[in-house]
PDB file of all heavy atoms in Angstrom:
ATOM      1  N   LEU A   1       7.125  -0.718  -1.400  1.00  0.00           N
ATOM      2  CA  LEU A   1       6.034  -0.120  -2.153  1.00  0.00           C
ATOM      3  C   LEU A   1       6.582   0.615  -3.373  1.00  0.00           C
ATOM      4  O   LEU A   1       7.331   1.581  -3.243  1.00  0.00           O
ATOM      5  CB  LEU A   1       5.220   0.758  -1.219  1.00  0.00           C
ATOM      6  CG  LEU A   1       4.706   0.162   0.106  1.00  0.00           C
ATOM      7  CD1 LEU A   1       3.916   1.230   0.862  1.00  0.00           C
ATOM      8  CD2 LEU A   1       3.973  -1.103  -0.124  1.00  0.00           C
ATOM      9  N   GLU A   2       6.174   0.217  -4.591  1.00  0.00           N
ATOM     10  CA  GLU A   2       6.639   0.910  -5.800  1.00  0.00           C
ATOM     11  C   GLU A   2       5.826   2.245  -5.919  1.00  0.00           C
ATOM     12  O   GLU A   2       6.516   3.269  -6.197  1.00  0.00           O
ATOM     13  CB  GLU A   2       6.330   0.007  -7.043  1.00  0.00           C
ATOM     14  CG  GLU A   2       7.302  -1.163  -7.206  1.00  0.00           C
ATOM     15  CD  GLU A   2       8.693  -0.770  -7.579  1.00  0.00           C
ATOM     16  OE1 GLU A   2       8.824   0.320  -8.179  1.00  0.00           O
ATOM     17  OE2 GLU A   2       9.599  -1.506  -7.270  1.00  0.00           O
ATOM     18  N   VAL A   3       4.550   2.196  -5.817  1.00  0.00           N
ATOM     19  CA  VAL A   3       3.715   3.320  -5.944  1.00  0.00           C
ATOM     20  C   VAL A   3       2.601   3.338  -4.952  1.00  0.00           C
ATOM     21  O   VAL A   3       1.951   2.302  -4.805  1.00  0.00           O
ATOM     22  CB  VAL A   3       3.111   3.438  -7.359  1.00  0.00           C
ATOM     23  CG1 VAL A   3       2.181   4.690  -7.494  1.00  0.00           C
ATOM     24  CG2 VAL A   3       4.117   3.384  -8.466  1.00  0.00           C
ATOM     25  N   VAL A   4       2.453   4.493  -4.215  1.00  0.00           N
ATOM     26  CA  VAL A   4       1.253   4.581  -3.298  1.00  0.00           C
ATOM     27  C   VAL A   4       0.251   5.433  -4.053  1.00  0.00           C
ATOM     28  O   VAL A   4       0.376   6.590  -4.284  1.00  0.00           O
ATOM     29  CB  VAL A   4       1.640   5.260  -1.960  1.00  0.00           C
ATOM     30  CG1 VAL A   4       0.456   5.458  -1.078  1.00  0.00           C
ATOM     31  CG2 VAL A   4       2.728   4.469  -1.272  1.00  0.00           C
ATOM     32  N   GLU A   5      -0.807   4.740  -4.472  1.00  0.00           N
ATOM     33  CA  GLU A   5      -1.873   5.438  -5.274  1.00  0.00           C
ATOM     34  C   GLU A   5      -2.799   6.338  -4.492  1.00  0.00           C
ATOM     35  O   GLU A   5      -3.271   7.332  -4.962  1.00  0.00           O
ATOM     36  CB  GLU A   5      -2.676   4.429  -6.110  1.00  0.00           C
ATOM     37  CG  GLU A   5      -1.829   3.663  -7.137  1.00  0.00           C
ATOM     38  CD  GLU A   5      -2.737   2.686  -7.955  1.00  0.00           C
ATOM     39  OE1 GLU A   5      -3.635   2.089  -7.459  1.00  0.00           O
ATOM     40  OE2 GLU A   5      -2.317   2.559  -9.189  1.00  0.00           O
ATOM     41  N   SER A   6      -3.082   5.850  -3.233  1.00  0.00           N
ATOM     42  CA  SER A   6      -3.957   6.698  -2.348  1.00  0.00           C
ATOM     43  C   SER A   6      -3.709   6.320  -0.895  1.00  0.00           C
ATOM     44  O   SER A   6      -3.276   5.232  -0.521  1.00  0.00           O
ATOM     45  CB  SER A   6      -5.426   6.386  -2.715  1.00  0.00           C
ATOM     46  OG  SER A   6      -5.826   5.110  -2.318  1.00  0.00           O
ATOM     47  N   GLU A   7      -3.935   7.384  -0.036  1.00  0.00           N
ATOM     48  CA  GLU A   7      -3.804   7.206   1.405  1.00  0.00           C
ATOM     49  C   GLU A   7      -5.058   7.846   2.006  1.00  0.00           C
ATOM     50  O   GLU A   7      -5.407   8.937   1.721  1.00  0.00           O
ATOM     51  CB  GLU A   7      -2.565   7.872   1.935  1.00  0.00           C
ATOM     52  CG  GLU A   7      -1.316   7.117   1.785  1.00  0.00           C
ATOM     53  CD  GLU A   7      -0.108   7.786   2.498  1.00  0.00           C
ATOM     54  OE1 GLU A   7      -0.282   8.057   3.711  1.00  0.00           O
ATOM     55  OE2 GLU A   7       0.934   8.032   1.885  1.00  0.00           O
ATOM     56  N   ASP A   8      -5.601   7.158   2.991  1.00  0.00           N
ATOM     57  CA  ASP A   8      -6.764   7.692   3.690  1.00  0.00           C
ATOM     58  C   ASP A   8      -6.599   7.375   5.183  1.00  0.00           C
ATOM     59  O   ASP A   8      -6.565   6.211   5.585  1.00  0.00           O
ATOM     60  CB  ASP A   8      -8.069   7.078   3.141  1.00  0.00           C
ATOM     61  CG  ASP A   8      -9.295   7.614   3.745  1.00  0.00           C
ATOM     62  OD1 ASP A   8      -9.254   8.848   4.145  1.00  0.00           O
ATOM     63  OD2 ASP A   8     -10.348   6.993   3.817  1.00  0.00           O
ATOM     64  N   PHE A   9      -6.485   8.426   6.000  1.00  0.00           N
ATOM     65  CA  PHE A   9      -6.333   8.253   7.389  1.00  0.00           C
ATOM     66  C   PHE A   9      -7.532   8.761   8.180  1.00  0.00           C
ATOM     67  O   PHE A   9      -7.934   9.894   8.146  1.00  0.00           O
ATOM     68  CB  PHE A   9      -5.034   9.014   7.885  1.00  0.00           C
ATOM     69  CG  PHE A   9      -4.701   8.644   9.264  1.00  0.00           C
ATOM     70  CD1 PHE A   9      -3.893   7.524   9.506  1.00  0.00           C
ATOM     71  CD2 PHE A   9      -5.137   9.374  10.352  1.00  0.00           C
ATOM     72  CE1 PHE A   9      -3.500   7.180  10.804  1.00  0.00           C
ATOM     73  CE2 PHE A   9      -4.757   9.035  11.669  1.00  0.00           C
ATOM     74  CZ  PHE A   9      -3.931   7.912  11.885  1.00  0.00           C
ATOM     75  N   ASP A  10      -8.207   7.780   8.885  1.00  0.00           N
ATOM     76  CA  ASP A  10      -9.316   8.155   9.780  1.00  0.00           C
ATOM     77  C   ASP A  10      -8.987   7.519  11.108  1.00  0.00           C
ATOM     78  O   ASP A  10      -8.073   8.034  11.822  1.00  0.00           O
ATOM     79  CB  ASP A  10     -10.664   7.659   9.169  1.00  0.00           C
ATOM     80  CG  ASP A  10     -11.886   8.213   9.920  1.00  0.00           C
ATOM     81  OD1 ASP A  10     -11.627   9.056  10.755  1.00  0.00           O
ATOM     82  OD2 ASP A  10     -13.005   7.818   9.608  1.00  0.00           O
ATOM     83  N   GLU A  11      -9.644   6.428  11.480  1.00  0.00           N
ATOM     84  CA  GLU A  11      -9.315   5.758  12.723  1.00  0.00           C
ATOM     85  C   GLU A  11      -8.168   4.753  12.438  1.00  0.00           C
ATOM     86  O   GLU A  11      -7.554   4.286  13.353  1.00  0.00           O
ATOM     87  CB  GLU A  11     -10.546   4.961  13.198  1.00  0.00           C
ATOM     88  CG  GLU A  11     -11.623   5.930  13.678  1.00  0.00           C
ATOM     89  CD  GLU A  11     -12.845   5.137  14.253  1.00  0.00           C
ATOM     90  OE1 GLU A  11     -12.801   3.858  14.145  1.00  0.00           O
ATOM     91  OE2 GLU A  11     -13.745   5.765  14.755  1.00  0.00           O
ATOM     92  N   GLU A  12      -7.930   4.524  11.237  1.00  0.00           N
ATOM     93  CA  GLU A  12      -6.762   3.684  10.748  1.00  0.00           C
ATOM     94  C   GLU A  12      -6.267   4.183   9.418  1.00  0.00           C
ATOM     95  O   GLU A  12      -6.921   4.965   8.700  1.00  0.00           O
ATOM     96  CB  GLU A  12      -7.197   2.204  10.669  1.00  0.00           C
ATOM     97  CG  GLU A  12      -8.463   1.991   9.837  1.00  0.00           C
ATOM     98  CD  GLU A  12      -9.055   0.593  10.149  1.00  0.00           C
ATOM     99  OE1 GLU A  12      -8.591  -0.102  11.050  1.00  0.00           O
ATOM    100  OE2 GLU A  12      -9.971   0.243   9.440  1.00  0.00           O
ATOM    101  N   LEU A  13      -5.072   3.712   9.029  1.00  0.00           N
ATOM    102  CA  LEU A  13      -4.470   4.167   7.766  1.00  0.00           C
ATOM    103  C   LEU A  13      -4.796   3.116   6.708  1.00  0.00           C
ATOM    104  O   LEU A  13      -4.519   1.970   6.861  1.00  0.00           O
ATOM    105  CB  LEU A  13      -2.935   4.259   7.914  1.00  0.00           C
ATOM    106  CG  LEU A  13      -2.195   4.647   6.623  1.00  0.00           C
ATOM    107  CD1 LEU A  13      -2.611   5.990   6.045  1.00  0.00           C
ATOM    108  CD2 LEU A  13      -0.683   4.640   6.866  1.00  0.00           C
ATOM    109  N   GLU A  14      -5.418   3.626   5.596  1.00  0.00           N
ATOM    110  CA  GLU A  14      -5.735   2.706   4.496  1.00  0.00           C
ATOM    111  C   GLU A  14      -4.952   3.239   3.237  1.00  0.00           C
ATOM    112  O   GLU A  14      -5.047   4.382   2.861  1.00  0.00           O
ATOM    113  CB  GLU A  14      -7.248   2.730   4.178  1.00  0.00           C
ATOM    114  CG  GLU A  14      -7.565   1.833   3.059  1.00  0.00           C
ATOM    115  CD  GLU A  14      -9.127   1.793   2.770  1.00  0.00           C
ATOM    116  OE1 GLU A  14      -9.913   1.609   3.695  1.00  0.00           O
ATOM    117  OE2 GLU A  14      -9.482   2.032   1.581  1.00  0.00           O
ATOM    118  N   MET A  15      -4.183   2.307   2.686  1.00  0.00           N
ATOM    119  CA  MET A  15      -3.383   2.649   1.527  1.00  0.00           C
ATOM    120  C   MET A  15      -3.655   1.727   0.374  1.00  0.00           C
ATOM    121  O   MET A  15      -3.854   0.496   0.569  1.00  0.00           O
ATOM    122  CB  MET A  15      -1.885   2.568   1.820  1.00  0.00           C
ATOM    123  CG  MET A  15      -1.345   3.603   2.748  1.00  0.00           C
ATOM    124  SD  MET A  15       0.487   3.643   2.790  1.00  0.00           S
ATOM    125  CE  MET A  15       0.838   2.044   3.460  1.00  0.00           C
ATOM    126  N   VAL A  16      -3.747   2.213  -0.844  1.00  0.00           N
ATOM    127  CA  VAL A  16      -3.794   1.440  -2.029  1.00  0.00           C
ATOM    128  C   VAL A  16      -2.432   1.664  -2.774  1.00  0.00           C
ATOM    129  O   VAL A  16      -2.069   2.793  -3.018  1.00  0.00           O
ATOM    130  CB  VAL A  16      -4.942   1.898  -2.952  1.00  0.00           C
ATOM    131  CG1 VAL A  16      -4.884   1.053  -4.313  1.00  0.00           C
ATOM    132  CG2 VAL A  16      -6.271   1.603  -2.293  1.00  0.00           C
ATOM    133  N   CYS A  17      -1.707   0.515  -3.054  1.00  0.00           N
ATOM    134  CA  CYS A  17      -0.383   0.692  -3.614  1.00  0.00           C
ATOM    135  C   CYS A  17      -0.086  -0.442  -4.597  1.00  0.00           C
ATOM    136  O   CYS A  17      -0.743  -1.471  -4.677  1.00  0.00           O
ATOM    137  CB  CYS A  17       0.639   0.725  -2.482  1.00  0.00           C
ATOM    138  SG  CYS A  17       0.442  -0.616  -1.327  1.00  0.00           S
ATOM    139  N   LEU A  18       0.992  -0.135  -5.380  1.00  0.00           N
ATOM    140  CA  LEU A  18       1.485  -1.191  -6.344  1.00  0.00           C
ATOM    141  C   LEU A  18       2.769  -1.712  -5.817  1.00  0.00           C
ATOM    142  O   LEU A  18       3.659  -0.971  -5.342  1.00  0.00           O
ATOM    143  CB  LEU A  18       1.692  -0.517  -7.741  1.00  0.00           C
ATOM    144  CG  LEU A  18       0.513   0.099  -8.408  1.00  0.00           C
ATOM    145  CD1 LEU A  18       0.933   0.723  -9.745  1.00  0.00           C
ATOM    146  CD2 LEU A  18      -0.589  -0.932  -8.715  1.00  0.00           C
ATOM    147  N   VAL A  19       2.960  -3.050  -5.842  1.00  0.00           N
ATOM    148  CA  VAL A  19       4.149  -3.677  -5.354  1.00  0.00           C
ATOM    149  C   VAL A  19       4.649  -4.795  -6.328  1.00  0.00           C
ATOM    150  O   VAL A  19       3.872  -5.356  -7.084  1.00  0.00           O
ATOM    151  CB  VAL A  19       3.954  -4.336  -3.982  1.00  0.00           C
ATOM    152  CG1 VAL A  19       3.464  -3.340  -3.023  1.00  0.00           C
ATOM    153  CG2 VAL A  19       2.994  -5.500  -4.029  1.00  0.00           C
ATOM    154  N   ASP A  20       5.873  -5.055  -6.265  1.00  0.00           N
ATOM    155  CA  ASP A  20       6.458  -6.196  -6.983  1.00  0.00           C
ATOM    156  C   ASP A  20       5.948  -7.439  -6.300  1.00  0.00           C
ATOM    157  O   ASP A  20       6.021  -7.558  -5.110  1.00  0.00           O
ATOM    158  CB  ASP A  20       8.040  -6.116  -6.896  1.00  0.00           C
ATOM    159  CG  ASP A  20       8.667  -7.206  -7.703  1.00  0.00           C
ATOM    160  OD1 ASP A  20       8.409  -8.440  -7.524  1.00  0.00           O
ATOM    161  OD2 ASP A  20       9.469  -6.857  -8.639  1.00  0.00           O
ATOM    162  N   PRO A  21       5.438  -8.450  -7.093  1.00  0.00           N
ATOM    163  CA  PRO A  21       4.863  -9.661  -6.545  1.00  0.00           C
ATOM    164  C   PRO A  21       5.887 -10.401  -5.640  1.00  0.00           C
ATOM    165  O   PRO A  21       5.454 -11.081  -4.684  1.00  0.00           O
ATOM    166  CB  PRO A  21       4.563 -10.561  -7.802  1.00  0.00           C
ATOM    167  CG  PRO A  21       4.372  -9.589  -8.868  1.00  0.00           C
ATOM    168  CD  PRO A  21       5.327  -8.425  -8.608  1.00  0.00           C
ATOM    169  N   GLY A  22       7.179 -10.159  -5.860  1.00  0.00           N
ATOM    170  CA  GLY A  22       8.170 -10.859  -5.041  1.00  0.00           C
ATOM    171  C   GLY A  22       8.133 -10.377  -3.590  1.00  0.00           C
ATOM    172  O   GLY A  22       8.632 -11.095  -2.680  1.00  0.00           O
ATOM    173  N   TYR A  23       7.529  -9.188  -3.270  1.00  0.00           N
ATOM    174  CA  TYR A  23       7.436  -8.741  -1.930  1.00  0.00           C
ATOM    175  C   TYR A  23       6.182  -9.105  -1.207  1.00  0.00           C
ATOM    176  O   TYR A  23       5.970  -8.779  -0.028  1.00  0.00           O
ATOM    177  CB  TYR A  23       7.510  -7.141  -1.932  1.00  0.00           C
ATOM    178  CG  TYR A  23       8.939  -6.626  -2.126  1.00  0.00           C
ATOM    179  CD1 TYR A  23       9.182  -5.702  -3.147  1.00  0.00           C
ATOM    180  CD2 TYR A  23       9.977  -7.074  -1.316  1.00  0.00           C
ATOM    181  CE1 TYR A  23      10.472  -5.188  -3.376  1.00  0.00           C
ATOM    182  CE2 TYR A  23      11.298  -6.504  -1.495  1.00  0.00           C
ATOM    183  CZ  TYR A  23      11.514  -5.623  -2.558  1.00  0.00           C
ATOM    184  OH  TYR A  23      12.768  -5.092  -2.790  1.00  0.00           O
ATOM    185  N   TYR A  24       5.247  -9.762  -1.925  1.00  0.00           N
ATOM    186  CA  TYR A  24       3.874  -9.982  -1.326  1.00  0.00           C
ATOM    187  C   TYR A  24       3.963 -10.718   0.046  1.00  0.00           C
ATOM    188  O   TYR A  24       3.396 -10.315   0.991  1.00  0.00           O
ATOM    189  CB  TYR A  24       3.027 -10.795  -2.330  1.00  0.00           C
ATOM    190  CG  TYR A  24       1.689 -11.163  -1.725  1.00  0.00           C
ATOM    191  CD1 TYR A  24       0.632 -10.247  -1.631  1.00  0.00           C
ATOM    192  CD2 TYR A  24       1.450 -12.408  -1.172  1.00  0.00           C
ATOM    193  CE1 TYR A  24      -0.546 -10.542  -1.026  1.00  0.00           C
ATOM    194  CE2 TYR A  24       0.253 -12.753  -0.612  1.00  0.00           C
ATOM    195  CZ  TYR A  24      -0.795 -11.822  -0.515  1.00  0.00           C
ATOM    196  OH  TYR A  24      -1.979 -12.120   0.044  1.00  0.00           O
ATOM    197  N   ARG A  25       4.738 -11.811   0.060  1.00  0.00           N
ATOM    198  CA  ARG A  25       4.757 -12.655   1.270  1.00  0.00           C
ATOM    199  C   ARG A  25       5.301 -11.862   2.387  1.00  0.00           C
ATOM    200  O   ARG A  25       4.925 -11.931   3.621  1.00  0.00           O
ATOM    201  CB  ARG A  25       5.573 -13.927   1.053  1.00  0.00           C
ATOM    202  CG  ARG A  25       4.849 -14.987   0.307  1.00  0.00           C
ATOM    203  CD  ARG A  25       5.592 -16.290   0.251  1.00  0.00           C
ATOM    204  NE  ARG A  25       4.907 -17.286  -0.468  1.00  0.00           N
ATOM    205  CZ  ARG A  25       5.407 -18.438  -0.810  1.00  0.00           C
ATOM    206  NH1 ARG A  25       6.591 -18.788  -0.316  1.00  0.00           N
ATOM    207  NH2 ARG A  25       4.729 -19.375  -1.489  1.00  0.00           N
ATOM    208  N   GLU A  26       6.454 -11.043   2.156  1.00  0.00           N
ATOM    209  CA  GLU A  26       7.058 -10.267   3.190  1.00  0.00           C
ATOM    210  C   GLU A  26       6.095  -9.215   3.718  1.00  0.00           C
ATOM    211  O   GLU A  26       6.061  -9.027   5.023  1.00  0.00           O
ATOM    212  CB  GLU A  26       8.313  -9.609   2.563  1.00  0.00           C
ATOM    213  CG  GLU A  26       9.307  -9.131   3.592  1.00  0.00           C
ATOM    214  CD  GLU A  26      10.612  -8.605   3.058  1.00  0.00           C
ATOM    215  OE1 GLU A  26      10.958  -8.987   1.851  1.00  0.00           O
ATOM    216  OE2 GLU A  26      11.223  -7.709   3.602  1.00  0.00           O
TER     217      GLU A  26
END
């Protein structure tokens, strides 16, 4: 994960982040 823009934890963890496209499949 290059940048984690937001994190929200309630019953589950929700993250919005920026990643290098090369990592998408992994």
